[in-house]
Amino acid sequence: MAKYEKRLKGNFDELLNWLHRDITEGSLSASYEDGSSITMGNARMAVRVYERYSMTGKNRVSMNITLLEVEDDLFITAITSGGSQAVFFKINTLGEEAFLEEFINSLNRYINHRQG
């Protein structure tokens, strides 16, 4: 399992769409599995689950993204899972790390885009 978290400023819907586009178009095998969104008072939250095939591990890897907006602050968490073929412990996490790295690169491009 690999995880990345960040607080930032930005537009909730724009960021969610930006990441979705980059993830689903970034790999031929990437797919959007499911998601959930809720608004409560001045807070919004979206959960998205993606999956893709890892050539390195020869298996599928999933990534859960949770985006929270409270007023004008955003907090995002991405957690990858899967990618190991071992029964009792994880021996190959390269696919998870690569999937997470694509997310981080997309998020950084979004931040740079917002800064002009």
Protein backbone atom coordinates (compact mmCIF):
# COMPACT_ATOMS: atom_id res chain seq x y z
CA MET A 1 0.00 0.00 0.00
CA ALA A 2 1.22 3.49 -0.83
CA LYS A 3 -0.34 6.75 0.35
CA TYR A 4 -0.09 10.47 -0.45
CA GLU A 5 -1.90 13.37 1.25
CA LYS A 6 -1.92 17.10 0.59
CA ARG A 7 -3.69 20.28 1.67
CA LEU A 8 -4.19 22.84 -1.06
CA LYS A 9 -6.32 25.61 -2.48
CA GLY A 10 -8.31 25.11 -5.64
CA ASN A 11 -11.65 24.40 -7.19
CA PHE A 12 -13.23 21.14 -5.96
CA ASP A 13 -15.03 20.23 -9.20
CA GLU A 14 -12.16 21.32 -11.41
CA LEU A 15 -9.63 19.23 -9.46
CA LEU A 16 -11.88 16.18 -9.37
CA ASN A 17 -12.42 16.36 -13.15
CA TRP A 18 -8.72 17.07 -13.79
CA LEU A 19 -7.62 13.98 -11.85
CA HIS A 20 -10.31 11.79 -13.40
CA ARG A 21 -9.23 12.76 -16.90
CA ASP A 22 -5.53 12.23 -16.21
CA ILE A 23 -6.05 8.87 -14.51
CA THR A 24 -8.46 7.40 -17.05
CA GLU A 25 -6.49 8.70 -20.05
CA GLY A 26 -3.07 7.95 -18.54
CA SER A 27 -3.21 4.20 -19.08
CA LEU A 28 -5.01 1.97 -21.56
CA SER A 29 -6.08 -0.34 -18.74
CA ALA A 30 -7.14 2.34 -16.23
CA SER A 31 -10.81 2.35 -15.34
CA TYR A 32 -13.13 4.24 -13.04
CA GLU A 33 -14.72 1.64 -10.75
CA ASP A 34 -17.09 3.63 -8.55
CA GLY A 35 -17.46 6.72 -6.45
CA SER A 36 -19.52 8.60 -3.93
CA SER A 37 -20.10 12.29 -3.28
CA ILE A 38 -21.78 14.14 -0.44
CA THR A 39 -22.35 17.72 0.70
CA MET A 40 -22.98 18.44 4.38
CA GLY A 41 -23.29 22.08 5.35
CA ASN A 42 -20.25 23.86 3.97
CA ALA A 43 -18.27 20.63 3.47
CA ARG A 44 -18.09 18.50 0.33
CA MET A 45 -16.46 15.13 -0.05
CA ALA A 46 -15.86 12.88 -3.04
CA VAL A 47 -14.49 9.34 -3.01
CA ARG A 48 -13.30 7.77 -6.26
CA VAL A 49 -11.92 4.30 -6.93
CA TYR A 50 -9.78 3.53 -9.97
CA GLU A 51 -8.11 0.36 -11.12
CA ARG A 52 -5.49 -0.52 -13.71
CA TYR A 53 -3.34 -3.39 -14.84
CA SER A 54 0.28 -3.32 -13.67
CA MET A 55 2.64 -4.70 -16.28
CA THR A 56 5.39 -4.95 -13.67
CA GLY A 57 3.41 -7.08 -11.24
CA LYS A 58 1.22 -8.72 -13.88
CA ASN A 59 -1.87 -7.98 -11.79
CA ARG A 60 -4.41 -5.23 -11.10
CA VAL A 61 -3.82 -2.30 -8.77
CA SER A 62 -6.49 -0.04 -7.27
CA MET A 63 -6.36 3.56 -6.11
CA ASN A 64 -8.81 5.27 -3.79
CA ILE A 65 -8.94 9.07 -3.93
CA THR A 66 -10.77 11.08 -1.29
CA LEU A 67 -11.19 14.82 -1.82
CA LEU A 68 -12.57 17.02 0.97
CA GLU A 69 -13.54 20.68 0.63
CA VAL A 70 -14.34 22.88 3.62
CA GLU A 71 -14.94 26.51 2.65
CA ASP A 72 -12.00 27.32 0.35
CA ASP A 73 -9.61 24.64 1.65
CA LEU A 74 -9.06 21.27 -0.02
CA PHE A 75 -7.55 18.09 1.41
CA ILE A 76 -6.82 15.10 -0.79
CA THR A 77 -5.72 11.56 0.00
CA ALA A 78 -4.77 8.88 -2.50
CA ILE A 79 -4.16 5.30 -1.40
CA THR A 80 -3.13 2.48 -3.73
CA SER A 81 -3.57 -1.21 -3.02
CA GLY A 82 -2.97 -4.55 -4.68
CA GLY A 83 -0.06 -5.31 -6.91
CA SER A 84 1.39 -8.22 -4.94
CA GLN A 85 1.12 -11.88 -5.79
CA ALA A 86 2.43 -13.20 -2.49
CA VAL A 87 0.05 -15.03 -0.17
CA PHE A 88 1.22 -13.91 3.28
CA PHE A 89 3.17 -10.68 2.69
CA LYS A 90 3.73 -8.08 -0.01
CA ILE A 91 6.78 -8.54 -2.18
CA ASN A 92 6.05 -6.34 -5.20
CA THR A 93 4.65 -2.87 -4.65
CA LEU A 94 6.08 -1.32 -7.84
CA GLY A 95 2.65 -1.19 -9.52
CA GLU A 96 1.11 0.60 -6.54
CA GLU A 97 3.95 3.11 -6.37
CA ALA A 98 3.80 3.80 -10.12
CA PHE A 99 0.01 4.37 -10.01
CA LEU A 100 0.41 6.74 -7.06
CA GLU A 101 3.25 8.56 -8.83
CA GLU A 102 0.93 9.25 -11.78
CA PHE A 103 -1.61 10.74 -9.35
CA ILE A 104 1.06 12.94 -7.72
CA ASN A 105 2.27 14.17 -11.11
CA SER A 106 -1.29 15.03 -12.14
CA LEU A 107 -1.93 16.86 -8.86
CA ASN A 108 1.30 18.86 -9.27
CA ARG A 109 0.33 19.80 -12.84
CA TYR A 110 -3.03 21.01 -11.48
CA ILE A 111 -1.31 23.10 -8.78
CA ASN A 112 1.07 24.62 -11.35
CA HIS A 113 -1.87 25.31 -13.68
CA ARG A 114 -3.72 27.14 -10.88
CA GLN A 115 -0.66 29.24 -10.06
CA GLY A 116 -0.48 30.41 -13.67
